[in-house]
Amino acid sequence: MPPWERRNHPRFEISTEALLIDTDWHTQKCRCEDISRGGACVYSPRLLRPGRVVELWFALTGVGSIECEAEIVRRERDRMGMRFIGMDVHQMRELERFLERVQPLH
């Protein structure tokens, strides 16, 4: 199994707008398509290199907005896989509360 297919947390399908801010303060709108406790998959017209750290903002129905640092761990076609690296305890609880209400992928 390729390394990018190994997951530490189950993924959950969502579809929500997201905002990505890179270290050069470029802001871009994108779409968060799946999420887990450890990261997210984001569809974007502009892909960044793996290893880049960005600020990621997205809204979760019934929970509110999540803002955190994320590292881009892979990119392919029109999407990027991101690992959350800077999420505070409160936001992690909000994310977990949301994930309890949705069905995992596969």
PDB file of N, CA and C in Angstrom:
ATOM      1  N   MET A   1       0.840  -1.174   0.000  1.00  0.00           N
ATOM      2  CA  MET A   1       0.000   0.000   0.000  1.00  0.00           C
ATOM      3  C   MET A   1       0.893   1.249   0.000  1.00  0.00           C
ATOM      4  N   PRO A   2       0.644   2.214  -0.904  1.00  0.00           N
ATOM      5  CA  PRO A   2       1.460   3.430  -0.941  1.00  0.00           C
ATOM      6  C   PRO A   2       1.313   4.228   0.355  1.00  0.00           C
ATOM      7  N   PRO A   3       2.343   4.992   0.745  1.00  0.00           N
ATOM      8  CA  PRO A   3       2.292   5.737   2.001  1.00  0.00           C
ATOM      9  C   PRO A   3       1.107   6.681   2.108  1.00  0.00           C
ATOM     10  N   TRP A   4       0.682   7.301   0.985  1.00  0.00           N
ATOM     11  CA  TRP A   4      -0.429   8.248   1.064  1.00  0.00           C
ATOM     12  C   TRP A   4      -1.763   7.552   1.287  1.00  0.00           C
ATOM     13  N   GLU A   5      -1.832   6.241   1.130  1.00  0.00           N
ATOM     14  CA  GLU A   5      -3.064   5.502   1.385  1.00  0.00           C
ATOM     15  C   GLU A   5      -3.149   5.007   2.827  1.00  0.00           C
ATOM     16  N   ARG A   6      -2.060   5.093   3.566  1.00  0.00           N
ATOM     17  CA  ARG A   6      -2.092   4.686   4.973  1.00  0.00           C
ATOM     18  C   ARG A   6      -2.699   5.819   5.778  1.00  0.00           C
ATOM     19  N   ARG A   7      -3.699   5.513   6.533  1.00  0.00           N
ATOM     20  CA  ARG A   7      -4.409   6.542   7.287  1.00  0.00           C
ATOM     21  C   ARG A   7      -4.405   6.199   8.761  1.00  0.00           C
ATOM     22  N   ASN A   8      -4.222   7.223   9.590  1.00  0.00           N
ATOM     23  CA  ASN A   8      -4.288   7.036  11.030  1.00  0.00           C
ATOM     24  C   ASN A   8      -5.699   7.248  11.560  1.00  0.00           C
ATOM     25  N   HIS A   9      -6.527   7.947  10.769  1.00  0.00           N
ATOM     26  CA  HIS A   9      -7.882   8.279  11.200  1.00  0.00           C
ATOM     27  C   HIS A   9      -8.851   8.038  10.040  1.00  0.00           C
ATOM     28  N   PRO A  10     -10.075   7.613  10.332  1.00  0.00           N
ATOM     29  CA  PRO A  10     -11.051   7.443   9.247  1.00  0.00           C
ATOM     30  C   PRO A  10     -11.407   8.790   8.605  1.00  0.00           C
ATOM     31  N   ARG A  11     -11.674   8.752   7.289  1.00  0.00           N
ATOM     32  CA  ARG A  11     -12.062   9.953   6.552  1.00  0.00           C
ATOM     33  C   ARG A  11     -13.577  10.051   6.476  1.00  0.00           C
ATOM     34  N   PHE A  12     -14.055  11.309   6.426  1.00  0.00           N
ATOM     35  CA  PHE A  12     -15.477  11.589   6.339  1.00  0.00           C
ATOM     36  C   PHE A  12     -15.716  12.541   5.179  1.00  0.00           C
ATOM     37  N   GLU A  13     -16.710  12.207   4.357  1.00  0.00           N
ATOM     38  CA  GLU A  13     -17.019  13.048   3.207  1.00  0.00           C
ATOM     39  C   GLU A  13     -17.768  14.290   3.658  1.00  0.00           C
ATOM     40  N   ILE A  14     -17.285  15.434   3.210  1.00  0.00           N
ATOM     41  CA  ILE A  14     -17.982  16.696   3.433  1.00  0.00           C
ATOM     42  C   ILE A  14     -17.859  17.497   2.144  1.00  0.00           C
ATOM     43  N   SER A  15     -18.535  18.584   2.060  1.00  0.00           N
ATOM     44  CA  SER A  15     -18.376  19.493   0.931  1.00  0.00           C
ATOM     45  C   SER A  15     -18.605  20.894   1.467  1.00  0.00           C
ATOM     46  N   THR A  16     -17.513  21.581   1.727  1.00  0.00           N
ATOM     47  CA  THR A  16     -17.624  22.913   2.293  1.00  0.00           C
ATOM     48  C   THR A  16     -16.543  23.812   1.718  1.00  0.00           C
ATOM     49  N   GLU A  17     -16.877  25.082   1.563  1.00  0.00           N
ATOM     50  CA  GLU A  17     -15.885  26.033   1.097  1.00  0.00           C
ATOM     51  C   GLU A  17     -14.789  26.170   2.142  1.00  0.00           C
ATOM     52  N   ALA A  18     -13.596  26.418   1.651  1.00  0.00           N
ATOM     53  CA  ALA A  18     -12.456  26.603   2.539  1.00  0.00           C
ATOM     54  C   ALA A  18     -11.629  27.770   2.025  1.00  0.00           C
ATOM     55  N   LEU A  19     -10.823  28.296   2.907  1.00  0.00           N
ATOM     56  CA  LEU A  19      -9.919  29.377   2.559  1.00  0.00           C
ATOM     57  C   LEU A  19      -8.519  28.957   2.965  1.00  0.00           C
ATOM     58  N   LEU A  20      -7.591  29.127   2.051  1.00  0.00           N
ATOM     59  CA  LEU A  20      -6.205  28.721   2.266  1.00  0.00           C
ATOM     60  C   LEU A  20      -5.324  29.968   2.198  1.00  0.00           C
ATOM     61  N   ILE A  21      -4.484  30.177   3.201  1.00  0.00           N
ATOM     62  CA  ILE A  21      -3.563  31.312   3.203  1.00  0.00           C
ATOM     63  C   ILE A  21      -2.158  30.734   3.306  1.00  0.00           C
ATOM     64  N   ASP A  22      -1.326  31.001   2.290  1.00  0.00           N
ATOM     65  CA  ASP A  22       0.031  30.441   2.327  1.00  0.00           C
ATOM     66  C   ASP A  22       0.987  31.414   3.019  1.00  0.00           C
ATOM     67  N   THR A  23       2.238  31.013   3.134  1.00  0.00           N
ATOM     68  CA  THR A  23       3.219  31.803   3.887  1.00  0.00           C
ATOM     69  C   THR A  23       3.534  33.133   3.216  1.00  0.00           C
ATOM     70  N   ASP A  24       3.197  33.289   1.943  1.00  0.00           N
ATOM     71  CA  ASP A  24       3.387  34.560   1.240  1.00  0.00           C
ATOM     72  C   ASP A  24       2.140  35.437   1.329  1.00  0.00           C
ATOM     73  N   TRP A  25       1.192  35.048   2.154  1.00  0.00           N
ATOM     74  CA  TRP A  25      -0.079  35.755   2.369  1.00  0.00           C
ATOM     75  C   TRP A  25      -0.974  35.746   1.138  1.00  0.00           C
ATOM     76  N   HIS A  26      -0.751  34.797   0.229  1.00  0.00           N
ATOM     77  CA  HIS A  26      -1.688  34.613  -0.874  1.00  0.00           C
ATOM     78  C   HIS A  26      -2.897  33.869  -0.323  1.00  0.00           C
ATOM     79  N   THR A  27      -4.058  34.367  -0.632  1.00  0.00           N
ATOM     80  CA  THR A  27      -5.294  33.751  -0.171  1.00  0.00           C
ATOM     81  C   THR A  27      -6.009  33.145  -1.368  1.00  0.00           C
ATOM     82  N   GLN A  28      -6.518  31.936  -1.202  1.00  0.00           N
ATOM     83  CA  GLN A  28      -7.281  31.321  -2.281  1.00  0.00           C
ATOM     84  C   GLN A  28      -8.469  30.570  -1.719  1.00  0.00           C
ATOM     85  N   LYS A  29      -9.560  30.664  -2.470  1.00  0.00           N
ATOM     86  CA  LYS A  29     -10.748  29.892  -2.125  1.00  0.00           C
ATOM     87  C   LYS A  29     -10.567  28.484  -2.672  1.00  0.00           C
ATOM     88  N   CYS A  30     -11.027  27.513  -1.925  1.00  0.00           N
ATOM     89  CA  CYS A  30     -10.956  26.123  -2.356  1.00  0.00           C
ATOM     90  C   CYS A  30     -12.143  25.383  -1.737  1.00  0.00           C
ATOM     91  N   ARG A  31     -12.145  24.087  -1.874  1.00  0.00           N
ATOM     92  CA  ARG A  31     -13.261  23.284  -1.377  1.00  0.00           C
ATOM     93  C   ARG A  31     -12.716  22.087  -0.624  1.00  0.00           C
ATOM     94  N   CYS A  32     -13.167  21.926   0.614  1.00  0.00           N
ATOM     95  CA  CYS A  32     -12.776  20.785   1.435  1.00  0.00           C
ATOM     96  C   CYS A  32     -13.756  19.653   1.122  1.00  0.00           C
ATOM     97  N   GLU A  33     -13.238  18.521   0.627  1.00  0.00           N
ATOM     98  CA  GLU A  33     -14.090  17.422   0.184  1.00  0.00           C
ATOM     99  C   GLU A  33     -14.124  16.235   1.134  1.00  0.00           C
ATOM    100  N   ASP A  34     -13.067  16.034   1.888  1.00  0.00           N
ATOM    101  CA  ASP A  34     -13.135  15.033   2.949  1.00  0.00           C
ATOM    102  C   ASP A  34     -12.234  15.467   4.088  1.00  0.00           C
ATOM    103  N   ILE A  35     -12.530  14.926   5.246  1.00  0.00           N
ATOM    104  CA  ILE A  35     -11.847  15.377   6.449  1.00  0.00           C
ATOM    105  C   ILE A  35     -11.697  14.211   7.412  1.00  0.00           C
ATOM    106  N   SER A  36     -10.690  14.288   8.253  1.00  0.00           N
ATOM    107  CA  SER A  36     -10.510  13.319   9.334  1.00  0.00           C
ATOM    108  C   SER A  36      -9.997  14.087  10.542  1.00  0.00           C
ATOM    109  N   ARG A  37      -9.792  13.384  11.604  1.00  0.00           N
ATOM    110  CA  ARG A  37      -9.243  14.013  12.804  1.00  0.00           C
ATOM    111  C   ARG A  37      -7.825  14.529  12.527  1.00  0.00           C
ATOM    112  N   GLY A  38      -7.141  13.939  11.576  1.00  0.00           N
ATOM    113  CA  GLY A  38      -5.753  14.293  11.310  1.00  0.00           C
ATOM    114  C   GLY A  38      -5.498  15.197  10.123  1.00  0.00           C
ATOM    115  N   GLY A  39      -6.504  15.412   9.249  1.00  0.00           N
ATOM    116  CA  GLY A  39      -6.250  16.234   8.079  1.00  0.00           C
ATOM    117  C   GLY A  39      -7.448  16.336   7.155  1.00  0.00           C
ATOM    118  N   ALA A  40      -7.207  16.839   5.953  1.00  0.00           N
ATOM    119  CA  ALA A  40      -8.292  17.073   5.002  1.00  0.00           C
ATOM    120  C   ALA A  40      -7.781  16.945   3.576  1.00  0.00           C
ATOM    121  N   CYS A  41      -8.711  16.725   2.668  1.00  0.00           N
ATOM    122  CA  CYS A  41      -8.445  16.754   1.238  1.00  0.00           C
ATOM    123  C   CYS A  41      -9.140  17.990   0.688  1.00  0.00           C
ATOM    124  N   VAL A  42      -8.365  18.834   0.002  1.00  0.00           N
ATOM    125  CA  VAL A  42      -8.874  20.106  -0.493  1.00  0.00           C
ATOM    126  C   VAL A  42      -8.716  20.162  -2.008  1.00  0.00           C
ATOM    127  N   TYR A  43      -9.783  20.528  -2.704  1.00  0.00           N
ATOM    128  CA  TYR A  43      -9.760  20.739  -4.147  1.00  0.00           C
ATOM    129  C   TYR A  43      -9.491  22.215  -4.396  1.00  0.00           C
ATOM    130  N   SER A  44      -8.536  22.484  -5.294  1.00  0.00           N
ATOM    131  CA  SER A  44      -8.129  23.860  -5.528  1.00  0.00           C
ATOM    132  C   SER A  44      -7.600  24.021  -6.949  1.00  0.00           C
ATOM    133  N   PRO A  45      -7.838  25.177  -7.567  1.00  0.00           N
ATOM    134  CA  PRO A  45      -7.282  25.400  -8.904  1.00  0.00           C
ATOM    135  C   PRO A  45      -5.772  25.653  -8.867  1.00  0.00           C
ATOM    136  N   ARG A  46      -5.251  26.046  -7.723  1.00  0.00           N
ATOM    137  CA  ARG A  46      -3.815  26.325  -7.576  1.00  0.00           C
ATOM    138  C   ARG A  46      -3.236  25.386  -6.527  1.00  0.00           C
ATOM    139  N   LEU A  47      -2.364  24.485  -6.953  1.00  0.00           N
ATOM    140  CA  LEU A  47      -1.786  23.506  -6.042  1.00  0.00           C
ATOM    141  C   LEU A  47      -0.448  23.990  -5.509  1.00  0.00           C
ATOM    142  N   LEU A  48      -0.211  23.739  -4.241  1.00  0.00           N
ATOM    143  CA  LEU A  48       1.048  24.099  -3.602  1.00  0.00           C
ATOM    144  C   LEU A  48       1.894  22.852  -3.400  1.00  0.00           C
ATOM    145  N   ARG A  49       3.192  23.049  -3.232  1.00  0.00           N
ATOM    146  CA  ARG A  49       4.136  21.945  -3.056  1.00  0.00           C
ATOM    147  C   ARG A  49       3.927  21.227  -1.731  1.00  0.00           C
ATOM    148  N   PRO A  50       4.098  19.909  -1.730  1.00  0.00           N
ATOM    149  CA  PRO A  50       4.145  19.179  -0.463  1.00  0.00           C
ATOM    150  C   PRO A  50       5.259  19.752   0.413  1.00  0.00           C
ATOM    151  N   GLY A  51       4.979  19.813   1.695  1.00  0.00           N
ATOM    152  CA  GLY A  51       5.924  20.389   2.650  1.00  0.00           C
ATOM    153  C   GLY A  51       5.574  21.807   3.041  1.00  0.00           C
ATOM    154  N   ARG A  52       4.791  22.501   2.225  1.00  0.00           N
ATOM    155  CA  ARG A  52       4.375  23.875   2.553  1.00  0.00           C
ATOM    156  C   ARG A  52       3.403  23.838   3.717  1.00  0.00           C
ATOM    157  N   VAL A  53       3.509  24.843   4.555  1.00  0.00           N
ATOM    158  CA  VAL A  53       2.584  25.006   5.681  1.00  0.00           C
ATOM    159  C   VAL A  53       1.681  26.185   5.353  1.00  0.00           C
ATOM    160  N   VAL A  54       0.382  25.999   5.565  1.00  0.00           N
ATOM    161  CA  VAL A  54      -0.621  27.016   5.247  1.00  0.00           C
ATOM    162  C   VAL A  54      -1.565  27.179   6.436  1.00  0.00           C
ATOM    163  N   GLU A  55      -2.295  28.275   6.420  1.00  0.00           N
ATOM    164  CA  GLU A  55      -3.427  28.443   7.322  1.00  0.00           C
ATOM    165  C   GLU A  55      -4.647  27.952   6.553  1.00  0.00           C
ATOM    166  N   LEU A  56      -5.470  27.148   7.192  1.00  0.00           N
ATOM    167  CA  LEU A  56      -6.657  26.597   6.552  1.00  0.00           C
ATOM    168  C   LEU A  56      -7.871  26.978   7.383  1.00  0.00           C
ATOM    169  N   TRP A  57      -8.883  27.504   6.730  1.00  0.00           N
ATOM    170  CA  TRP A  57     -10.138  27.864   7.389  1.00  0.00           C
ATOM    171  C   TRP A  57     -11.271  27.167   6.659  1.00  0.00           C
ATOM    172  N   PHE A  58     -12.171  26.561   7.408  1.00  0.00           N
ATOM    173  CA  PHE A  58     -13.366  25.963   6.813  1.00  0.00           C
ATOM    174  C   PHE A  58     -14.480  25.940   7.858  1.00  0.00           C
ATOM    175  N   ALA A  59     -15.709  25.879   7.386  1.00  0.00           N
ATOM    176  CA  ALA A  59     -16.871  25.861   8.266  1.00  0.00           C
ATOM    177  C   ALA A  59     -17.470  24.464   8.292  1.00  0.00           C
ATOM    178  N   LEU A  60     -17.926  24.055   9.468  1.00  0.00           N
ATOM    179  CA  LEU A  60     -18.589  22.760   9.629  1.00  0.00           C
ATOM    180  C   LEU A  60     -20.005  23.000  10.143  1.00  0.00           C
ATOM    181  N   THR A  61     -20.975  22.432   9.462  1.00  0.00           N
ATOM    182  CA  THR A  61     -22.368  22.606   9.815  1.00  0.00           C
ATOM    183  C   THR A  61     -22.627  22.207  11.263  1.00  0.00           C
ATOM    184  N   GLY A  62     -23.248  23.094  12.006  1.00  0.00           N
ATOM    185  CA  GLY A  62     -23.601  22.810  13.387  1.00  0.00           C
ATOM    186  C   GLY A  62     -22.468  23.004  14.374  1.00  0.00           C
ATOM    187  N   VAL A  63     -21.284  23.335  13.885  1.00  0.00           N
ATOM    188  CA  VAL A  63     -20.125  23.481  14.764  1.00  0.00           C
ATOM    189  C   VAL A  63     -19.537  24.888  14.673  1.00  0.00           C
ATOM    190  N   GLY A  64     -19.469  25.429  13.485  1.00  0.00           N
ATOM    191  CA  GLY A  64     -18.836  26.733  13.281  1.00  0.00           C
ATOM    192  C   GLY A  64     -17.579  26.583  12.464  1.00  0.00           C
ATOM    193  N   SER A  65     -16.702  27.557  12.578  1.00  0.00           N
ATOM    194  CA  SER A  65     -15.505  27.538  11.742  1.00  0.00           C
ATOM    195  C   SER A  65     -14.310  26.944  12.474  1.00  0.00           C
ATOM    196  N   ILE A  66     -13.448  26.345  11.682  1.00  0.00           N
ATOM    197  CA  ILE A  66     -12.195  25.771  12.164  1.00  0.00           C
ATOM    198  C   ILE A  66     -11.075  26.529  11.461  1.00  0.00           C
ATOM    199  N   GLU A  67     -10.100  26.980  12.217  1.00  0.00           N
ATOM    200  CA  GLU A  67      -8.923  27.630  11.663  1.00  0.00           C
ATOM    201  C   GLU A  67      -7.705  26.941  12.249  1.00  0.00           C
ATOM    202  N   CYS A  68      -6.790  26.519  11.373  1.00  0.00           N
ATOM    203  CA  CYS A  68      -5.604  25.821  11.880  1.00  0.00           C
ATOM    204  C   CYS A  68      -4.483  25.861  10.855  1.00  0.00           C
ATOM    205  N   GLU A  69      -3.294  25.505  11.302  1.00  0.00           N
ATOM    206  CA  GLU A  69      -2.182  25.307  10.387  1.00  0.00           C
ATOM    207  C   GLU A  69      -2.272  23.896   9.837  1.00  0.00           C
ATOM    208  N   ALA A  70      -1.889  23.758   8.578  1.00  0.00           N
ATOM    209  CA  ALA A  70      -1.884  22.443   7.943  1.00  0.00           C
ATOM    210  C   ALA A  70      -0.670  22.346   7.027  1.00  0.00           C
ATOM    211  N   GLU A  71      -0.105  21.161   6.970  1.00  0.00           N
ATOM    212  CA  GLU A  71       1.021  20.903   6.071  1.00  0.00           C
ATOM    213  C   GLU A  71       0.517  20.128   4.866  1.00  0.00           C
ATOM    214  N   ILE A  72       0.904  20.565   3.692  1.00  0.00           N
ATOM    215  CA  ILE A  72       0.527  19.845   2.480  1.00  0.00           C
ATOM    216  C   ILE A  72       1.415  18.611   2.389  1.00  0.00           C
ATOM    217  N   VAL A  73       0.792  17.446   2.361  1.00  0.00           N
ATOM    218  CA  VAL A  73       1.557  16.199   2.349  1.00  0.00           C
ATOM    219  C   VAL A  73       1.547  15.521   0.977  1.00  0.00           C
ATOM    220  N   ARG A  74       0.582  15.875   0.127  1.00  0.00           N
ATOM    221  CA  ARG A  74       0.572  15.333  -1.233  1.00  0.00           C
ATOM    222  C   ARG A  74      -0.305  16.205  -2.115  1.00  0.00           C
ATOM    223  N   ARG A  75      -0.095  16.100  -3.408  1.00  0.00           N
ATOM    224  CA  ARG A  75      -0.961  16.780  -4.370  1.00  0.00           C
ATOM    225  C   ARG A  75      -1.081  15.905  -5.603  1.00  0.00           C
ATOM    226  N   GLU A  76      -2.245  15.955  -6.209  1.00  0.00           N
ATOM    227  CA  GLU A  76      -2.488  15.212  -7.445  1.00  0.00           C
ATOM    228  C   GLU A  76      -3.657  15.848  -8.161  1.00  0.00           C
ATOM    229  N   ARG A  77      -3.546  15.934  -9.463  1.00  0.00           N
ATOM    230  CA  ARG A  77      -4.562  16.573 -10.307  1.00  0.00           C
ATOM    231  C   ARG A  77      -4.991  17.908  -9.714  1.00  0.00           C
ATOM    232  N   ASP A  78      -6.178  17.983  -9.180  1.00  0.00           N
ATOM    233  CA  ASP A  78      -6.722  19.247  -8.679  1.00  0.00           C
ATOM    234  C   ASP A  78      -6.972  19.220  -7.165  1.00  0.00           C
ATOM    235  N   ARG A  79      -6.222  18.405  -6.443  1.00  0.00           N
ATOM    236  CA  ARG A  79      -6.455  18.334  -4.999  1.00  0.00           C
ATOM    237  C   ARG A  79      -5.154  18.194  -4.220  1.00  0.00           C
ATOM    238  N   MET A  80      -5.244  18.562  -2.949  1.00  0.00           N
ATOM    239  CA  MET A  80      -4.098  18.474  -2.044  1.00  0.00           C
ATOM    240  C   MET A  80      -4.535  17.767  -0.766  1.00  0.00           C
ATOM    241  N   GLY A  81      -3.696  16.862  -0.287  1.00  0.00           N
ATOM    242  CA  GLY A  81      -3.907  16.236   1.010  1.00  0.00           C
ATOM    243  C   GLY A  81      -3.146  17.030   2.055  1.00  0.00           C
ATOM    244  N   MET A  82      -3.811  17.354   3.149  1.00  0.00           N
ATOM    245  CA  MET A  82      -3.209  18.181   4.191  1.00  0.00           C
ATOM    246  C   MET A  82      -3.293  17.488   5.543  1.00  0.00           C
ATOM    247  N   ARG A  83      -2.253  17.704   6.337  1.00  0.00           N
ATOM    248  CA  ARG A  83      -2.207  17.171   7.703  1.00  0.00           C
ATOM    249  C   ARG A  83      -2.300  18.353   8.654  1.00  0.00           C
ATOM    250  N   PHE A  84      -3.253  18.271   9.593  1.00  0.00           N
ATOM    251  CA  PHE A  84      -3.385  19.335  10.581  1.00  0.00           C
ATOM    252  C   PHE A  84      -2.174  19.308  11.501  1.00  0.00           C
ATOM    253  N   ILE A  85      -1.536  20.464  11.684  1.00  0.00           N
ATOM    254  CA  ILE A  85      -0.379  20.513  12.573  1.00  0.00           C
ATOM    255  C   ILE A  85      -0.530  21.554  13.680  1.00  0.00           C
ATOM    256  N   GLY A  86      -1.513  22.400  13.573  1.00  0.00           N
ATOM    257  CA  GLY A  86      -1.662  23.435  14.581  1.00  0.00           C
ATOM    258  C   GLY A  86      -3.118  23.692  14.911  1.00  0.00           C
ATOM    259  N   MET A  87      -3.772  22.723  15.522  1.00  0.00           N
ATOM    260  CA  MET A  87      -5.172  22.888  15.889  1.00  0.00           C
ATOM    261  C   MET A  87      -5.253  22.879  17.412  1.00  0.00           C
ATOM    262  N   ASP A  88      -5.871  23.919  17.974  1.00  0.00           N
ATOM    263  CA  ASP A  88      -5.936  23.967  19.432  1.00  0.00           C
ATOM    264  C   ASP A  88      -6.974  22.976  19.959  1.00  0.00           C
ATOM    265  N   VAL A  89      -6.950  22.771  21.253  1.00  0.00           N
ATOM    266  CA  VAL A  89      -7.800  21.761  21.900  1.00  0.00           C
ATOM    267  C   VAL A  89      -9.278  22.042  21.657  1.00  0.00           C
ATOM    268  N   HIS A  90      -9.681  23.292  21.751  1.00  0.00           N
ATOM    269  CA  HIS A  90     -11.091  23.646  21.535  1.00  0.00           C
ATOM    270  C   HIS A  90     -11.527  23.292  20.115  1.00  0.00           C
ATOM    271  N   GLN A  91     -10.711  23.643  19.133  1.00  0.00           N
ATOM    272  CA  GLN A  91     -11.078  23.354  17.749  1.00  0.00           C
ATOM    273  C   GLN A  91     -11.085  21.857  17.472  1.00  0.00           C
ATOM    274  N   MET A  92     -10.167  21.116  18.092  1.00  0.00           N
ATOM    275  CA  MET A  92     -10.150  19.667  17.919  1.00  0.00           C
ATOM    276  C   MET A  92     -11.437  19.061  18.487  1.00  0.00           C
ATOM    277  N   ARG A  93     -11.890  19.557  19.626  1.00  0.00           N
ATOM    278  CA  ARG A  93     -13.160  19.067  20.199  1.00  0.00           C
ATOM    279  C   ARG A  93     -14.326  19.360  19.270  1.00  0.00           C
ATOM    280  N   GLU A  94     -14.339  20.552  18.676  1.00  0.00           N
ATOM    281  CA  GLU A  94     -15.405  20.910  17.739  1.00  0.00           C
ATOM    282  C   GLU A  94     -15.377  20.000  16.511  1.00  0.00           C
ATOM    283  N   LEU A  95     -14.187  19.726  15.994  1.00  0.00           N
ATOM    284  CA  LEU A  95     -14.053  18.818  14.859  1.00  0.00           C
ATOM    285  C   LEU A  95     -14.541  17.423  15.233  1.00  0.00           C
ATOM    286  N   GLU A  96     -14.144  16.920  16.379  1.00  0.00           N
ATOM    287  CA  GLU A  96     -14.583  15.590  16.815  1.00  0.00           C
ATOM    288  C   GLU A  96     -16.089  15.543  16.996  1.00  0.00           C
ATOM    289  N   ARG A  97     -16.662  16.613  17.522  1.00  0.00           N
ATOM    290  CA  ARG A  97     -18.122  16.682  17.696  1.00  0.00           C
ATOM    291  C   ARG A  97     -18.823  16.582  16.341  1.00  0.00           C
ATOM    292  N   PHE A  98     -18.281  17.255  15.332  1.00  0.00           N
ATOM    293  CA  PHE A  98     -18.839  17.179  13.991  1.00  0.00           C
ATOM    294  C   PHE A  98     -18.708  15.767  13.430  1.00  0.00           C
ATOM    295  N   LEU A  99     -17.523  15.159  13.571  1.00  0.00           N
ATOM    296  CA  LEU A  99     -17.266  13.838  12.993  1.00  0.00           C
ATOM    297  C   LEU A  99     -18.135  12.746  13.612  1.00  0.00           C
ATOM    298  N   GLU A 100     -18.561  12.939  14.841  1.00  0.00           N
ATOM    299  CA  GLU A 100     -19.452  11.963  15.477  1.00  0.00           C
ATOM    300  C   GLU A 100     -20.791  11.865  14.768  1.00  0.00           C
ATOM    301  N   ARG A 101     -21.180  12.895  14.015  1.00  0.00           N
ATOM    302  CA  ARG A 101     -22.498  12.946  13.388  1.00  0.00           C
ATOM    303  C   ARG A 101     -22.510  12.527  11.926  1.00  0.00           C
ATOM    304  N   VAL A 102     -21.352  12.264  11.327  1.00  0.00           N
ATOM    305  CA  VAL A 102     -21.302  11.902   9.904  1.00  0.00           C
ATOM    306  C   VAL A 102     -20.735  10.500   9.719  1.00  0.00           C
ATOM    307  N   GLN A 103     -21.016   9.903   8.575  1.00  0.00           N
ATOM    308  CA  GLN A 103     -20.568   8.542   8.285  1.00  0.00           C
ATOM    309  C   GLN A 103     -19.192   8.560   7.626  1.00  0.00           C
ATOM    310  N   PRO A 104     -18.303   7.645   8.043  1.00  0.00           N
ATOM    311  CA  PRO A 104     -16.977   7.595   7.404  1.00  0.00           C
ATOM    312  C   PRO A 104     -17.059   7.083   5.966  1.00  0.00           C
ATOM    313  N   LEU A 105     -16.062   7.461   5.167  1.00  0.00           N
ATOM    314  CA  LEU A 105     -15.934   6.934   3.801  1.00  0.00           C
ATOM    315  C   LEU A 105     -15.459   5.487   3.876  1.00  0.00           C
ATOM    316  N   HIS A 106     -15.898   4.675   3.009  1.00  0.00           N
ATOM    317  CA  HIS A 106     -15.470   3.267   2.864  1.00  0.00           C
ATOM    318  C   HIS A 106     -15.566   2.548   4.167  1.00  0.00           C
TER     319      HIS A 106
END
